[in-house]
Amino acid sequence: MSDKGIEKIRKGFDRLTTSLVVLAVFFLSYGLYHYFILGTTTVTHARAPIPSLSNGSVTIFFGIIFVGLALYRIIRRKQLIEQINELKRTERK
């Protein structure tokens, strides 16, 4: 695998990880804002006119999932770099 291909893979991996971190921050910040500042609100939907309560906990849940995915990718990146370096060493031999 050439150096350009490896750099392209790294750049794509980093770009996706960065977007996951940004999404996690947006979801968590809005969920916490909704939970602590706005409080519980009553929501009705067009399909089912039954009122339901919304307090931002689902948004917080998705934010935590995205944080977990981002942390996994950050940890996994170190292993990926080690694998790439190992591939480079085997190609040179």
N, C-alpha and C. Protein backbone atom coordinates (compact mmCIF):
# COMPACT_ATOMS: atom_id res chain seq x y z
N MET A 1 0.84 -1.16 0.00
CA MET A 1 0.00 0.00 0.00
C MET A 1 0.90 1.24 0.00
N SER A 2 0.59 2.18 -0.87
CA SER A 2 1.44 3.36 -0.99
C SER A 2 1.15 4.35 0.15
N ASP A 3 2.09 5.30 0.29
CA ASP A 3 1.93 6.30 1.35
C ASP A 3 0.72 7.19 1.10
N LYS A 4 0.41 7.48 -0.17
CA LYS A 4 -0.76 8.30 -0.48
C LYS A 4 -2.05 7.59 -0.08
N GLY A 5 -2.11 6.30 -0.32
CA GLY A 5 -3.29 5.53 0.08
C GLY A 5 -3.47 5.48 1.57
N ILE A 6 -2.36 5.33 2.27
CA ILE A 6 -2.40 5.29 3.74
C ILE A 6 -2.84 6.65 4.28
N GLU A 7 -2.31 7.72 3.73
CA GLU A 7 -2.70 9.05 4.19
C GLU A 7 -4.17 9.33 3.89
N LYS A 8 -4.66 8.83 2.77
CA LYS A 8 -6.06 9.00 2.42
C LYS A 8 -6.95 8.27 3.41
N ILE A 9 -6.56 7.07 3.81
CA ILE A 9 -7.32 6.31 4.80
C ILE A 9 -7.31 7.03 6.15
N ARG A 10 -6.14 7.51 6.55
CA ARG A 10 -6.04 8.24 7.82
C ARG A 10 -6.90 9.49 7.82
N LYS A 11 -6.85 10.24 6.72
CA LYS A 11 -7.60 11.49 6.62
C LYS A 11 -9.11 11.21 6.71
N GLY A 12 -9.58 10.18 6.01
CA GLY A 12 -10.99 9.82 6.07
C GLY A 12 -11.41 9.36 7.45
N PHE A 13 -10.55 8.57 8.09
CA PHE A 13 -10.81 8.08 9.45
C PHE A 13 -10.90 9.24 10.42
N ASP A 14 -9.96 10.19 10.33
CA ASP A 14 -9.96 11.35 11.22
C ASP A 14 -11.16 12.25 10.96
N ARG A 15 -11.54 12.40 9.70
CA ARG A 15 -12.68 13.25 9.36
C ARG A 15 -13.97 12.69 9.95
N LEU A 16 -14.16 11.38 9.84
CA LEU A 16 -15.36 10.76 10.40
C LEU A 16 -15.37 10.84 11.91
N THR A 17 -14.22 10.66 12.54
CA THR A 17 -14.14 10.76 14.00
C THR A 17 -14.46 12.17 14.46
N THR A 18 -13.94 13.16 13.75
CA THR A 18 -14.22 14.56 14.10
C THR A 18 -15.71 14.87 13.96
N SER A 19 -16.33 14.38 12.90
CA SER A 19 -17.76 14.64 12.73
C SER A 19 -18.58 13.95 13.83
N LEU A 20 -18.14 12.76 14.28
CA LEU A 20 -18.83 12.10 15.40
C LEU A 20 -18.71 12.92 16.67
N VAL A 21 -17.54 13.49 16.92
CA VAL A 21 -17.34 14.32 18.12
C VAL A 21 -18.24 15.56 18.05
N VAL A 22 -18.32 16.19 16.89
CA VAL A 22 -19.17 17.38 16.74
C VAL A 22 -20.63 17.02 16.96
N LEU A 23 -21.10 15.92 16.35
CA LEU A 23 -22.48 15.48 16.56
C LEU A 23 -22.75 15.19 18.03
N ALA A 24 -21.81 14.53 18.70
CA ALA A 24 -21.98 14.21 20.11
C ALA A 24 -22.11 15.48 20.94
N VAL A 25 -21.29 16.48 20.66
CA VAL A 25 -21.36 17.74 21.40
C VAL A 25 -22.70 18.42 21.18
N PHE A 26 -23.18 18.45 19.92
CA PHE A 26 -24.47 19.08 19.63
C PHE A 26 -25.61 18.35 20.34
N PHE A 27 -25.63 17.02 20.24
CA PHE A 27 -26.71 16.27 20.87
C PHE A 27 -26.68 16.43 22.39
N LEU A 28 -25.50 16.30 22.98
CA LEU A 28 -25.41 16.42 24.43
C LEU A 28 -25.77 17.83 24.92
N SER A 29 -25.27 18.84 24.23
CA SER A 29 -25.54 20.21 24.68
C SER A 29 -27.02 20.54 24.56
N TYR A 30 -27.65 20.14 23.45
CA TYR A 30 -29.08 20.42 23.32
C TYR A 30 -29.89 19.59 24.31
N GLY A 31 -29.53 18.33 24.50
CA GLY A 31 -30.25 17.50 25.44
C GLY A 31 -30.15 18.01 26.87
N LEU A 32 -28.95 18.42 27.26
CA LEU A 32 -28.78 18.96 28.61
C LEU A 32 -29.50 20.31 28.77
N TYR A 33 -29.47 21.13 27.71
CA TYR A 33 -30.21 22.40 27.73
C TYR A 33 -31.70 22.12 27.88
N HIS A 34 -32.20 21.18 27.12
CA HIS A 34 -33.63 20.85 27.17
C HIS A 34 -34.00 20.28 28.54
N TYR A 35 -33.13 19.46 29.09
CA TYR A 35 -33.41 18.81 30.37
C TYR A 35 -33.37 19.79 31.54
N PHE A 36 -32.33 20.63 31.59
CA PHE A 36 -32.16 21.51 32.74
C PHE A 36 -32.84 22.86 32.59
N ILE A 37 -32.86 23.43 31.41
CA ILE A 37 -33.39 24.79 31.23
C ILE A 37 -34.87 24.76 30.84
N LEU A 38 -35.20 24.02 29.78
CA LEU A 38 -36.58 24.02 29.30
C LEU A 38 -37.51 23.17 30.15
N GLY A 39 -36.96 22.12 30.73
CA GLY A 39 -37.78 21.24 31.55
C GLY A 39 -38.61 20.30 30.70
N THR A 40 -39.60 19.70 31.29
CA THR A 40 -40.45 18.75 30.59
C THR A 40 -41.53 19.49 29.82
N THR A 41 -41.71 19.13 28.57
CA THR A 41 -42.73 19.74 27.74
C THR A 41 -43.68 18.66 27.23
N THR A 42 -44.90 19.07 26.92
CA THR A 42 -45.89 18.16 26.35
C THR A 42 -45.85 18.29 24.84
N VAL A 43 -45.75 17.17 24.16
CA VAL A 43 -45.63 17.15 22.71
C VAL A 43 -46.75 16.30 22.14
N THR A 44 -47.36 16.76 21.04
CA THR A 44 -48.33 15.94 20.32
C THR A 44 -47.81 15.72 18.90
N HIS A 45 -48.10 14.56 18.36
CA HIS A 45 -47.66 14.23 17.02
C HIS A 45 -48.85 14.20 16.08
N ALA A 46 -48.59 14.40 14.80
CA ALA A 46 -49.67 14.48 13.81
C ALA A 46 -50.36 13.13 13.63
N ARG A 47 -49.62 12.06 13.64
CA ARG A 47 -50.22 10.73 13.41
C ARG A 47 -51.02 10.23 14.60
N ALA A 48 -50.49 10.44 15.78
CA ALA A 48 -51.19 10.00 16.99
C ALA A 48 -51.41 11.22 17.88
N PRO A 49 -52.61 11.73 17.93
CA PRO A 49 -52.86 12.97 18.70
C PRO A 49 -52.83 12.77 20.21
N ILE A 50 -52.20 11.72 20.66
CA ILE A 50 -52.07 11.48 22.10
C ILE A 50 -50.86 12.27 22.60
N PRO A 51 -51.02 13.09 23.60
CA PRO A 51 -49.87 13.86 24.09
C PRO A 51 -48.83 12.97 24.78
N SER A 52 -47.59 13.34 24.61
CA SER A 52 -46.51 12.63 25.28
C SER A 52 -45.56 13.66 25.89
N LEU A 53 -44.77 13.22 26.85
CA LEU A 53 -43.85 14.12 27.53
C LEU A 53 -42.46 14.01 26.92
N SER A 54 -41.79 15.13 26.81
CA SER A 54 -40.43 15.16 26.27
C SER A 54 -39.57 15.97 27.22
N ASN A 55 -38.44 15.40 27.63
CA ASN A 55 -37.56 16.13 28.54
C ASN A 55 -36.11 16.15 28.06
N GLY A 56 -35.84 15.70 26.85
CA GLY A 56 -34.49 15.74 26.30
C GLY A 56 -33.64 14.53 26.63
N SER A 57 -34.19 13.55 27.31
CA SER A 57 -33.38 12.40 27.70
C SER A 57 -32.99 11.54 26.51
N VAL A 58 -33.85 11.46 25.49
CA VAL A 58 -33.52 10.69 24.29
C VAL A 58 -32.35 11.35 23.56
N THR A 59 -32.36 12.67 23.49
CA THR A 59 -31.26 13.40 22.86
C THR A 59 -29.96 13.19 23.62
N ILE A 60 -30.02 13.20 24.93
CA ILE A 60 -28.83 12.93 25.75
C ILE A 60 -28.33 11.51 25.49
N PHE A 61 -29.26 10.56 25.38
CA PHE A 61 -28.91 9.16 25.12
C PHE A 61 -28.14 9.04 23.79
N PHE A 62 -28.66 9.70 22.73
CA PHE A 62 -27.95 9.66 21.44
C PHE A 62 -26.59 10.34 21.53
N GLY A 63 -26.50 11.42 22.30
CA GLY A 63 -25.22 12.09 22.49
C GLY A 63 -24.21 11.19 23.18
N ILE A 64 -24.66 10.43 24.16
CA ILE A 64 -23.75 9.50 24.86
C ILE A 64 -23.31 8.39 23.91
N ILE A 65 -24.21 7.92 23.07
CA ILE A 65 -23.83 6.89 22.08
C ILE A 65 -22.76 7.44 21.13
N PHE A 66 -22.95 8.66 20.65
CA PHE A 66 -21.96 9.25 19.75
C PHE A 66 -20.62 9.49 20.44
N VAL A 67 -20.65 9.86 21.72
CA VAL A 67 -19.40 10.03 22.47
C VAL A 67 -18.69 8.68 22.59
N GLY A 68 -19.44 7.64 22.87
CA GLY A 68 -18.85 6.30 22.95
C GLY A 68 -18.23 5.86 21.64
N LEU A 69 -18.93 6.11 20.53
CA LEU A 69 -18.38 5.76 19.22
C LEU A 69 -17.12 6.56 18.91
N ALA A 70 -17.13 7.84 19.25
CA ALA A 70 -15.95 8.67 19.00
C ALA A 70 -14.76 8.21 19.84
N LEU A 71 -15.00 7.89 21.11
CA LEU A 71 -13.90 7.40 21.94
C LEU A 71 -13.36 6.07 21.43
N TYR A 72 -14.25 5.20 20.98
CA TYR A 72 -13.82 3.93 20.41
C TYR A 72 -12.94 4.15 19.18
N ARG A 73 -13.36 5.08 18.33
CA ARG A 73 -12.58 5.35 17.11
C ARG A 73 -11.24 5.99 17.45
N ILE A 74 -11.19 6.84 18.48
CA ILE A 74 -9.92 7.45 18.88
C ILE A 74 -8.96 6.38 19.39
N ILE A 75 -9.48 5.47 20.21
CA ILE A 75 -8.64 4.38 20.72
C ILE A 75 -8.24 3.45 19.58
N ARG A 76 -9.19 3.16 18.70
CA ARG A 76 -8.93 2.25 17.58
C ARG A 76 -7.92 2.85 16.60
N ARG A 77 -7.84 4.18 16.51
CA ARG A 77 -6.90 4.83 15.59
C ARG A 77 -5.46 4.48 15.94
N LYS A 78 -5.16 4.41 17.22
CA LYS A 78 -3.81 4.04 17.64
C LYS A 78 -3.47 2.64 17.15
N GLN A 79 -4.42 1.72 17.28
CA GLN A 79 -4.19 0.36 16.79
C GLN A 79 -4.07 0.33 15.27
N LEU A 80 -4.85 1.17 14.59
CA LEU A 80 -4.79 1.23 13.13
C LEU A 80 -3.44 1.75 12.67
N ILE A 81 -2.90 2.75 13.35
CA ILE A 81 -1.58 3.28 12.99
C ILE A 81 -0.51 2.22 13.18
N GLU A 82 -0.61 1.44 14.26
CA GLU A 82 0.35 0.36 14.48
C GLU A 82 0.25 -0.69 13.37
N GLN A 83 -0.95 -1.01 12.93
CA GLN A 83 -1.14 -1.98 11.84
C GLN A 83 -0.56 -1.45 10.54
N ILE A 84 -0.75 -0.17 10.28
CA ILE A 84 -0.22 0.44 9.05
C ILE A 84 1.31 0.43 9.08
N ASN A 85 1.89 0.76 10.23
CA ASN A 85 3.35 0.73 10.34
C ASN A 85 3.89 -0.69 10.15
N GLU A 86 3.17 -1.67 10.65
CA GLU A 86 3.57 -3.07 10.46
C GLU A 86 3.50 -3.46 8.99
N LEU A 87 2.47 -2.99 8.29
CA LEU A 87 2.36 -3.24 6.85
C LEU A 87 3.52 -2.61 6.08
N LYS A 88 3.89 -1.41 6.48
CA LYS A 88 5.02 -0.74 5.82
C LYS A 88 6.32 -1.53 6.03
N ARG A 89 6.50 -2.04 7.25
CA ARG A 89 7.71 -2.81 7.54
C ARG A 89 7.76 -4.10 6.72
N THR A 90 6.64 -4.76 6.57
CA THR A 90 6.62 -6.01 5.80
C THR A 90 6.80 -5.77 4.31
N GLU A 91 6.33 -4.63 3.81
CA GLU A 91 6.50 -4.31 2.39
C GLU A 91 7.97 -4.01 2.06
N ARG A 92 8.66 -3.39 2.99
CA ARG A 92 10.06 -3.02 2.75
C ARG A 92 10.98 -4.25 2.74
N LYS A 93 10.58 -5.30 3.44
CA LYS A 93 11.43 -6.50 3.51
C LYS A 93 11.35 -7.34 2.29
